[in-house]
Protein backbone atom coordinates (compact mmCIF):
# COMPACT_ATOMS: atom_id res chain seq x y z
CA MET A 1 38.61 75.20 142.97
CA SER A 2 37.90 78.67 141.69
CA ASN A 3 40.49 81.36 142.31
CA ALA A 4 38.32 84.48 142.00
CA LEU A 5 34.67 85.29 141.42
CA ALA A 6 31.92 87.64 142.52
CA ILE A 7 28.30 86.78 143.34
CA HIS A 8 25.52 89.34 143.54
CA ALA A 9 22.37 88.40 145.46
CA LYS A 10 19.12 90.34 145.49
CA ALA A 11 19.00 89.30 149.14
CA ALA A 12 21.37 87.33 151.34
CA MET A 13 21.13 85.90 154.85
CA LEU A 14 23.95 87.56 156.81
CA SER A 15 24.68 87.11 160.50
CA GLU A 16 22.44 90.00 161.52
CA ASP A 17 19.48 89.41 159.16
CA TRP A 18 18.54 89.44 155.52
CA ALA A 19 20.20 92.21 153.54
CA ASP A 20 19.39 93.45 150.04
CA ASP A 21 21.72 93.85 147.06
CA VAL A 22 24.65 91.95 148.52
CA ARG A 23 27.85 91.55 146.53
CA ILE A 24 30.32 88.87 147.64
CA THR A 25 33.81 88.56 146.27
CA VAL A 26 35.75 85.32 146.57
CA ALA A 27 39.48 84.71 146.29
CA ASP A 28 41.18 81.31 146.64
CA GLY A 29 37.96 79.75 147.87
CA ARG A 30 37.35 82.23 150.69
CA ILE A 31 35.07 85.21 150.99
CA ALA A 32 37.18 88.33 150.49
CA SER A 33 34.46 90.94 150.96
CA VAL A 34 30.74 91.34 151.62
CA THR A 35 29.16 94.61 150.48
CA VAL A 36 25.53 95.48 151.19
CA GLY A 37 23.32 97.81 149.14
CA THR A 38 25.42 97.78 146.00
CA ALA A 39 24.71 97.15 142.33
CA ALA A 40 25.89 94.08 140.43
CA GLN A 41 28.95 94.35 138.22
CA PRO A 42 28.91 93.04 134.61
CA ASP A 43 30.80 89.80 135.34
CA ASP A 44 29.04 88.93 138.60
CA GLN A 45 27.14 85.67 138.98
CA ARG A 46 23.62 86.82 139.85
CA VAL A 47 21.24 84.99 142.17
CA GLY A 48 17.97 85.73 143.88
CA LEU A 49 18.29 84.57 147.50
CA LEU A 50 21.54 83.44 149.11
CA ILE A 51 22.12 81.56 152.36
CA PRO A 52 25.17 79.88 153.90
CA GLY A 53 25.52 76.12 153.49
CA LEU A 54 24.73 74.05 156.56
CA PRO A 55 27.06 71.61 158.37
CA ASN A 56 26.07 67.94 158.56
CA LEU A 57 27.67 66.92 161.84
CA HIS A 58 27.05 63.16 161.74
CA SER A 59 27.22 60.77 158.79
CA HIS A 60 27.96 57.09 158.18
CA ALA A 61 28.38 57.38 154.43
CA PHE A 62 28.49 53.64 153.65
CA GLN A 63 24.99 53.20 155.09
CA ARG A 64 23.64 55.06 152.04
CA ALA A 65 23.97 51.63 150.38
CA MET A 66 21.13 50.23 152.53
CA ALA A 67 18.74 53.20 152.32
CA GLY A 68 15.21 51.87 151.86
CA LEU A 69 16.20 48.25 152.54
CA GLY A 70 15.42 48.17 156.26
CA GLU A 71 11.67 48.68 156.06
CA VAL A 72 10.48 45.05 155.92
CA ARG A 73 9.06 43.68 159.16
CA GLY A 74 11.16 40.95 160.71
CA ALA A 75 10.28 38.25 163.22
CA GLY A 76 9.40 39.68 166.60
CA ASP A 77 9.71 43.37 167.40
CA ASP A 78 11.94 45.35 165.04
CA SER A 79 14.24 47.84 166.74
CA PHE A 80 17.57 49.59 166.44
CA TRP A 81 19.23 46.33 167.46
CA SER A 82 17.66 44.24 164.69
CA TRP A 83 18.47 47.01 162.18
CA ARG A 84 22.07 46.93 163.43
CA GLU A 85 22.44 43.29 162.39
CA ALA A 86 21.35 44.19 158.86
CA MET A 87 23.82 47.08 158.86
CA TYR A 88 26.64 44.74 159.93
CA ARG A 89 25.90 42.54 156.90
CA VAL A 90 26.26 45.53 154.57
CA ALA A 91 29.38 46.72 156.39
CA GLY A 92 30.97 43.33 155.87
CA GLN A 93 30.88 43.75 152.06
CA VAL A 94 32.16 47.29 151.43
CA ASP A 95 35.73 47.57 150.11
CA PRO A 96 37.61 50.84 149.44
CA ASP A 97 36.33 51.16 145.85
CA ALA A 98 32.74 50.65 146.97
CA MET A 99 33.23 53.03 149.88
CA GLN A 100 34.37 55.78 147.52
CA ALA A 101 31.46 55.20 145.15
CA ILE A 102 28.83 55.08 147.89
CA ALA A 103 30.21 58.05 149.82
CA ALA A 104 30.55 60.17 146.68
CA LEU A 105 26.84 59.78 145.92
CA ALA A 106 25.91 60.50 149.54
CA TYR A 107 28.06 63.64 149.46
CA VAL A 108 26.51 64.74 146.14
CA GLU A 109 23.07 64.38 147.72
CA MET A 110 24.22 66.36 150.75
CA LEU A 111 25.37 69.24 148.55
CA GLU A 112 22.14 69.14 146.56
CA GLY A 113 20.22 69.13 149.85
CA GLY A 114 21.83 72.16 151.51
CA PHE A 115 24.80 70.65 153.37
CA THR A 116 28.28 71.91 152.46
CA ARG A 117 30.40 70.20 155.17
CA VAL A 118 30.08 66.70 156.55
CA GLY A 119 31.33 65.13 159.76
CA GLU A 120 32.12 61.56 158.75
CA PHE A 121 31.93 59.26 161.79
CA HIS A 122 34.08 56.58 160.22
CA TYR A 123 34.44 53.15 161.79
CA LEU A 124 34.77 50.78 158.81
CA HIS A 125 38.57 50.48 158.98
CA HIS A 126 39.74 46.93 158.17
CA ASP A 127 39.22 44.39 155.41
CA PRO A 128 36.18 42.05 155.54
CA ALA A 129 38.15 39.50 157.57
CA GLY A 130 39.02 42.15 160.15
CA THR A 131 42.66 42.41 159.07
CA PRO A 132 44.12 45.93 158.87
CA TYR A 133 44.93 47.08 155.36
CA ALA A 134 48.61 47.72 154.56
CA ASP A 135 47.65 51.39 154.63
CA PRO A 136 45.69 51.78 157.89
CA ALA A 137 43.76 54.66 156.29
CA ALA A 138 42.75 52.81 153.11
CA MET A 139 39.06 53.23 153.86
CA ALA A 140 39.53 56.77 155.15
CA SER A 141 41.36 57.60 151.93
CA ALA A 142 38.32 56.38 150.00
CA LEU A 143 36.22 58.90 151.93
CA VAL A 144 38.72 61.65 151.16
CA ALA A 145 38.53 60.71 147.47
CA ALA A 146 34.73 60.88 147.65
CA ALA A 147 34.97 64.36 149.16
CA GLN A 148 37.27 65.34 146.29
CA ASP A 149 34.87 63.84 143.74
CA SER A 150 31.91 65.75 145.14
CA GLY A 151 33.61 68.91 146.42
CA ILE A 152 32.12 68.73 149.93
CA ALA A 153 34.11 69.90 152.96
CA LEU A 154 35.15 67.01 155.19
CA THR A 155 35.65 66.73 158.92
CA LEU A 156 36.94 63.19 159.29
CA LEU A 157 36.25 61.48 162.61
CA PRO A 158 38.06 58.12 162.75
CA VAL A 159 36.32 55.92 165.29
CA PHE A 160 37.94 54.00 168.11
CA TYR A 161 35.98 50.81 168.77
CA ALA A 162 37.28 48.06 171.05
CA HIS A 163 34.39 46.37 172.87
CA ALA A 164 30.86 45.04 172.41
CA GLY A 165 29.43 46.34 175.66
CA PHE A 166 30.01 48.21 178.89
CA GLY A 167 32.87 47.01 181.05
CA GLY A 168 35.13 45.92 178.20
CA GLN A 169 33.10 43.03 176.77
CA GLU A 170 34.71 41.07 173.95
CA PRO A 171 33.77 42.36 170.47
CA GLN A 172 31.36 40.39 168.27
CA ALA A 173 32.15 38.88 164.88
CA GLY A 174 30.08 41.55 163.12
CA GLN A 175 32.32 44.24 164.61
CA ARG A 176 35.63 42.79 163.34
CA ARG A 177 36.08 45.54 160.73
CA PHE A 178 35.79 48.24 163.40
CA VAL A 179 37.91 46.96 166.28
CA THR A 180 41.38 48.31 167.02
CA SER A 181 43.85 48.78 169.86
CA LEU A 182 45.04 52.15 171.09
CA ASP A 183 48.36 51.67 169.29
CA GLY A 184 46.59 50.63 166.10
CA TYR A 185 44.30 53.61 166.41
CA ALA A 186 47.23 56.00 166.78
CA ARG A 187 48.61 54.65 163.48
CA LEU A 188 45.18 54.99 161.86
CA HIS A 189 44.79 58.55 163.11
CA ALA A 190 48.22 59.58 161.80
CA ALA A 191 47.53 57.95 158.43
CA SER A 192 44.18 59.73 158.25
CA ALA A 193 45.91 63.06 158.82
CA ALA A 194 48.22 62.31 155.88
CA ALA A 195 45.25 61.38 153.68
CA LEU A 196 43.57 64.71 154.41
CA ARG A 197 46.64 66.81 153.69
CA ASP A 198 45.65 68.02 150.21
CA LEU A 199 41.90 68.36 150.76
CA PRO A 200 40.80 72.01 151.08
CA ASP A 201 39.37 73.00 154.47
CA ALA A 202 39.73 69.48 155.87
CA VAL A 203 39.55 68.91 159.63
CA LEU A 204 40.64 65.82 161.56
CA GLY A 205 38.96 64.93 164.82
CA LEU A 206 38.37 61.62 166.54
CA ALA A 207 35.48 59.59 167.85
CA PRO A 208 35.25 57.09 170.70
CA HIS A 209 32.31 55.14 169.26
CA SER A 210 30.25 54.98 172.46
CA LEU A 211 30.60 54.19 176.14
CA ARG A 212 29.72 50.60 175.13
CA ALA A 213 32.79 50.39 172.90
CA VAL A 214 35.53 51.98 175.06
CA THR A 215 36.73 51.57 178.62
CA PRO A 216 37.28 54.60 180.86
CA ASP A 217 41.05 54.30 180.47
CA GLN A 218 40.75 54.16 176.70
CA LEU A 219 38.47 57.18 176.71
CA ALA A 220 41.04 59.14 178.72
CA ALA A 221 43.81 58.19 176.27
CA LEU A 222 41.69 59.29 173.30
CA THR A 223 40.85 62.60 174.94
CA ALA A 224 44.56 63.28 175.40
CA LEU A 225 45.27 62.38 171.76
CA ALA A 226 42.59 64.78 170.50
CA GLY A 227 43.94 67.89 172.16
CA GLY A 228 41.53 70.62 171.09
CA ALA A 229 40.27 68.81 167.97
CA PRO A 230 36.62 67.72 167.65
CA ILE A 231 35.63 64.70 169.74
CA HIS A 232 32.36 62.97 168.84
CA ILE A 233 30.66 60.10 170.65
CA HIS A 234 27.35 58.23 170.30
CA ILE A 235 25.47 58.39 173.56
CA ALA A 236 22.06 57.54 175.09
CA GLU A 237 20.51 56.70 171.72
CA GLN A 238 18.57 53.68 172.96
CA ARG A 239 16.81 52.78 176.21
CA ARG A 240 18.67 49.46 176.40
CA GLU A 241 21.94 51.38 176.28
CA VAL A 242 20.79 53.45 179.26
CA GLU A 243 19.76 50.34 181.20
CA ASP A 244 23.10 48.61 180.48
CA CYS A 245 25.04 51.70 181.55
CA LEU A 246 23.09 51.90 184.81
CA ALA A 247 23.84 48.23 185.48
CA TRP A 248 27.55 48.80 184.79
CA SER A 249 28.13 52.12 186.54
CA GLY A 250 25.07 53.13 188.50
CA GLN A 251 24.74 56.21 186.29
CA ARG A 252 23.01 57.07 183.04
CA PRO A 253 25.31 57.49 179.98
CA VAL A 254 25.24 61.29 179.70
CA GLU A 255 25.51 61.64 183.47
CA TRP A 256 28.53 59.29 183.58
CA LEU A 257 30.31 60.99 180.71
CA LEU A 258 29.88 64.49 182.12
CA ASP A 259 31.18 63.30 185.50
CA ASN A 260 34.15 61.34 184.15
CA ALA A 261 35.46 63.11 181.04
CA PRO A 262 36.52 66.72 180.32
CA VAL A 263 33.49 67.39 178.11
CA GLY A 264 33.62 70.88 176.62
CA PRO A 265 32.95 72.90 173.48
CA ASN A 266 35.02 70.63 171.21
CA TRP A 267 32.81 67.65 172.08
CA CYS A 268 29.71 66.50 170.22
CA LEU A 269 27.35 64.09 171.97
CA VAL A 270 25.48 62.39 169.13
CA HIS A 271 21.78 61.67 169.81
CA ALA A 272 21.72 62.13 173.61
CA THR A 273 18.09 61.12 173.21
CA HIS A 274 17.37 59.53 176.53
CA MET A 275 18.18 62.15 179.15
CA THR A 276 16.22 62.91 182.29
CA GLY A 277 16.42 65.16 185.32
CA ALA A 278 19.43 67.48 185.30
CA GLU A 279 21.15 65.84 182.32
CA PRO A 280 19.89 68.29 179.63
CA SER A 281 20.84 71.40 181.59
CA THR A 282 24.19 69.93 182.69
CA LEU A 283 25.01 69.03 179.10
CA ALA A 284 24.05 72.54 178.00
CA ARG A 285 26.35 74.10 180.61
CA SER A 286 29.30 71.99 179.41
CA GLY A 287 29.30 73.87 176.10
CA ALA A 288 29.27 70.61 174.13
CA VAL A 289 27.09 70.24 171.06
CA ALA A 290 24.16 67.84 170.97
CA GLY A 291 24.26 66.08 167.59
CA LEU A 292 20.65 65.49 166.53
CA CYS A 293 19.65 63.30 163.58
CA PRO A 294 15.83 63.46 163.51
CA VAL A 295 15.24 61.52 160.28
CA THR A 296 17.42 58.58 161.33
CA GLU A 297 16.19 58.71 164.94
CA ALA A 298 12.62 58.47 163.63
CA ASN A 299 13.52 55.73 161.16
CA LEU A 300 15.17 53.63 163.88
CA GLY A 301 12.51 54.33 166.50
CA ASP A 302 15.07 55.85 168.85
CA GLY A 303 12.84 58.40 170.57
CA LEU A 304 12.69 62.17 170.85
CA PHE A 305 15.42 64.45 172.17
CA PRO A 306 14.31 66.50 175.24
CA ALA A 307 14.60 69.74 173.29
CA SER A 308 12.62 72.06 175.54
CA ASP A 309 14.78 71.48 178.63
CA PHE A 310 17.96 71.71 176.57
CA ILE A 311 17.17 74.90 174.67
CA ASN A 312 15.78 76.55 177.81
CA ALA A 313 19.29 76.03 179.25
CA ASP A 314 20.83 77.65 176.12
CA GLY A 315 22.18 74.34 174.87
CA CYS A 316 24.07 74.18 171.59
CA TRP A 317 22.98 71.68 168.93
CA GLY A 318 23.40 70.75 165.27
CA ILE A 319 21.95 68.26 162.82
CA GLY A 320 23.26 65.21 160.96
CA SER A 321 22.05 62.76 158.34
CA ASP A 322 23.47 59.73 160.23
CA SER A 323 22.31 56.59 158.35
CA ASN A 324 21.64 58.62 155.18
CA VAL A 325 18.30 56.92 154.64
CA LEU A 326 17.17 60.31 153.29
CA ILE A 327 19.52 63.26 152.82
CA ASP A 328 17.98 66.72 153.15
CA ALA A 329 19.12 69.45 155.55
CA PHE A 330 15.70 71.09 155.66
CA GLU A 331 13.91 67.78 156.25
CA GLU A 332 16.11 67.25 159.32
CA LEU A 333 15.13 70.67 160.67
CA ARG A 334 11.47 70.18 159.87
CA TRP A 335 11.40 66.79 161.61
CA LEU A 336 13.24 68.21 164.59
CA GLU A 337 10.52 70.80 165.18
CA TYR A 338 7.60 68.55 164.22
CA GLY A 339 8.71 65.79 166.56
CA GLN A 340 8.62 68.25 169.45
CA ARG A 341 5.21 69.56 168.36
CA LEU A 342 3.75 66.05 168.32
CA SER A 343 5.27 65.20 171.70
CA MET A 344 4.38 68.45 173.45
CA GLN A 345 1.15 69.18 171.55
CA ARG A 346 2.07 72.80 170.88
CA ARG A 347 3.59 74.77 168.03
CA ASN A 348 6.82 76.72 167.40
CA VAL A 349 8.75 74.95 170.14
CA PHE A 350 12.20 76.19 169.12
CA ALA A 351 11.10 79.84 168.87
CA ALA A 352 11.66 81.05 172.43
CA ARG A 353 10.21 84.57 172.20
CA PRO A 354 7.00 86.04 170.76
CA GLY A 355 7.66 87.16 167.19
CA ASP A 356 10.60 84.80 166.63
CA SER A 357 10.72 82.96 163.31
CA THR A 358 10.98 79.25 164.06
CA GLY A 359 12.75 78.64 160.75
CA ALA A 360 15.33 81.35 161.41
CA VAL A 361 16.01 80.00 164.92
CA LEU A 362 16.41 76.44 163.62
CA PHE A 363 18.66 77.45 160.73
CA ASP A 364 20.94 79.68 162.79
CA ALA A 365 21.28 77.23 165.68
CA ALA A 366 21.99 74.28 163.37
CA GLY A 367 24.58 76.31 161.50
CA ARG A 368 26.42 77.58 164.55
CA GLY A 369 26.26 74.33 166.50
CA GLY A 370 27.20 72.17 163.54
CA ALA A 371 30.17 74.35 162.67
CA GLN A 372 31.39 74.27 166.28
CA ALA A 373 31.14 70.49 166.32
CA LEU A 374 33.07 70.15 163.05
CA GLY A 375 35.85 72.64 163.80
CA ALA A 376 34.71 75.09 161.12
CA ALA A 377 33.11 78.52 160.68
CA PHE A 378 29.52 79.24 159.67
CA GLY A 379 27.94 82.11 157.81
CA ILE A 380 28.54 84.58 155.03
CA ALA A 381 31.43 86.69 156.29
CA ALA A 382 34.87 87.80 155.13
CA GLY A 383 37.48 85.12 155.77
CA HIS A 384 35.04 82.23 155.77
CA SER A 385 35.09 79.54 153.12
CA ALA A 386 32.71 80.46 150.28
CA ASP A 387 30.14 77.76 151.05
CA LEU A 388 26.96 79.28 149.66
CA VAL A 389 23.51 78.11 148.63
CA SER A 390 21.25 80.07 146.29
CA LEU A 391 17.47 79.64 146.36
CA ASP A 392 15.00 80.12 143.55
CA PRO A 393 12.97 83.22 144.51
CA ASP A 394 10.24 82.13 142.09
CA HIS A 395 9.63 78.85 143.90
CA PRO A 396 5.95 78.99 144.93
CA ALA A 397 6.80 78.87 148.63
CA LEU A 398 9.25 81.77 148.31
CA ALA A 399 7.56 83.98 145.72
CA ALA A 400 6.82 87.40 147.25
CA CYS A 401 7.60 85.90 150.69
CA PRO A 402 8.35 88.54 153.37
CA SER A 403 12.00 88.45 154.38
CA GLY A 404 11.17 87.47 157.97
CA SER A 405 9.37 84.36 156.76
CA ARG A 406 11.80 83.14 154.10
CA LEU A 407 13.50 80.53 156.26
CA ASP A 408 10.12 79.35 157.56
CA ALA A 409 8.93 78.92 153.98
CA LEU A 410 12.15 77.14 153.03
CA ILE A 411 12.12 74.65 155.91
CA PHE A 412 8.40 73.99 156.32
CA ALA A 413 7.15 74.32 152.74
CA ALA A 414 9.75 74.35 149.97
CA GLY A 415 12.55 72.09 151.18
CA ARG A 416 15.44 71.14 148.93
CA ALA A 417 13.33 71.74 145.80
CA ALA A 418 14.04 75.46 146.26
CA ILE A 419 17.83 75.02 145.97
CA ASP A 420 19.22 76.40 142.72
CA CYS A 421 23.02 76.56 143.01
CA VAL A 422 25.67 75.62 145.58
CA TRP A 423 29.23 76.91 145.80
CA ARG A 424 31.74 75.01 147.92
CA HIS A 425 35.00 76.80 148.64
CA GLY A 426 34.19 79.09 145.74
CA ALA A 427 33.51 76.38 143.14
CA LYS A 428 29.99 75.93 141.80
CA VAL A 429 29.19 72.27 142.47
CA VAL A 430 25.40 72.40 142.05
CA SER A 431 23.59 74.19 139.23
CA GLY A 432 19.85 74.10 138.61
CA GLY A 433 19.47 71.91 141.70
CA ARG A 434 21.71 69.18 140.28
CA HIS A 435 25.32 68.38 141.12
CA VAL A 436 27.61 69.05 138.17
CA ALA A 437 29.11 65.53 138.40
CA ARG A 438 25.92 63.69 139.38
CA ALA A 439 25.65 61.51 136.25
CA ALA A 440 29.14 60.03 136.52
CA ILE A 441 28.99 59.62 140.30
CA ALA A 442 25.53 58.01 140.19
CA ALA A 443 26.71 55.59 137.48
CA ARG A 444 29.69 54.55 139.58
CA TYR A 445 27.42 54.11 142.60
CA ALA A 446 25.03 51.90 140.61
CA SER A 447 27.93 49.73 139.44
CA ALA A 448 29.23 49.35 143.01
CA ILE A 449 25.80 48.45 144.38
CA GLU A 450 25.24 45.86 141.66
CA ARG A 451 28.55 44.27 142.60
CA LEU A 452 27.74 44.26 146.32
CA ARG A 453 24.30 42.74 145.82
CA ALA A 454 25.31 40.14 143.25
């Protein structure tokens, strides 16, 4: 990582608004100073438009290996559950070397697409037979190595998975690589902490997979283990999940969780798609983050998050790339807004007040909520990690664009094609829209995929 540099932007997105002639100095990967209205110095790196990198709060990196392969119609009605069987087949093949190769490419694509930190919801722990590796964190270490290869910031969320359904049902054969006991999970969690030790800006949280996969007693034990660290959980993604939870407990998943666990600002409820009644407002009041993954949720036919009720209650949310079928921070935000427009048959749903820029509201909320969920900071400010994205001001969507419309133009028109450079912890990892190590990482990915599909 770079020890010292200075970047001068013609305009930069600061916490208050866009500012002109912004000079940022960086020392040991962190922003040392931000000065507005000042000239560039001779050795400064000069850019046109500068924004902070976005957090990706939910990723299953290994699923990048099946991107584009789940779009052939099967027998009967295709759904999340039929897709899951195909995912289990891929999961059964990935070893640590393949995990590193696949994750490294996914992380390169995240950096090229505007994400600078990823929350890796990691449940592929054991060998293909379901036997723990000698090092419980062998697969987690492969993810750490992929983060080192790419330069992305990592919030690692080792998953606890013990059951196949509500009420402690026995796990299925396809889940053998995920399943662990509480004691085994404690060893995995400690080994994961050791694996992260030398990775800059790393954060360790934990993740009960879902209410299907843990019992109430196990959930309580995991909550105690987490302390104040990030806790992520899949919840209410599918209607069948809601029906099964009602049959088990008499309550809907989000309702049950909020009534039976100390859900607060360090929690992230991933998807939370199927909520009704008071659930959105109650979730908003808890301070937890709703983890929304619009591209994957559309791809899997999950449904649409009840955004209007949630944002009207000042709910906090962020975005994730989940299955990594397509990796693009701005595509996630665009789909989030467009899904609501199609459902509600009106425009600018996330912009609450007349005159608000929808793009600015989406970008700021995703940044703040994602950072909260991943135990990190967001924005261009002294003391923060220098996680910065420069945009090409000559891109047709941004050329001569008024400052108040820049984020609208970026999200709804330009997309990732407008990204020029990305700095992560002060090191330039993307230049000219391309990751500096893309060729080598893509070659290793191709070799791994050929081996898996042989």
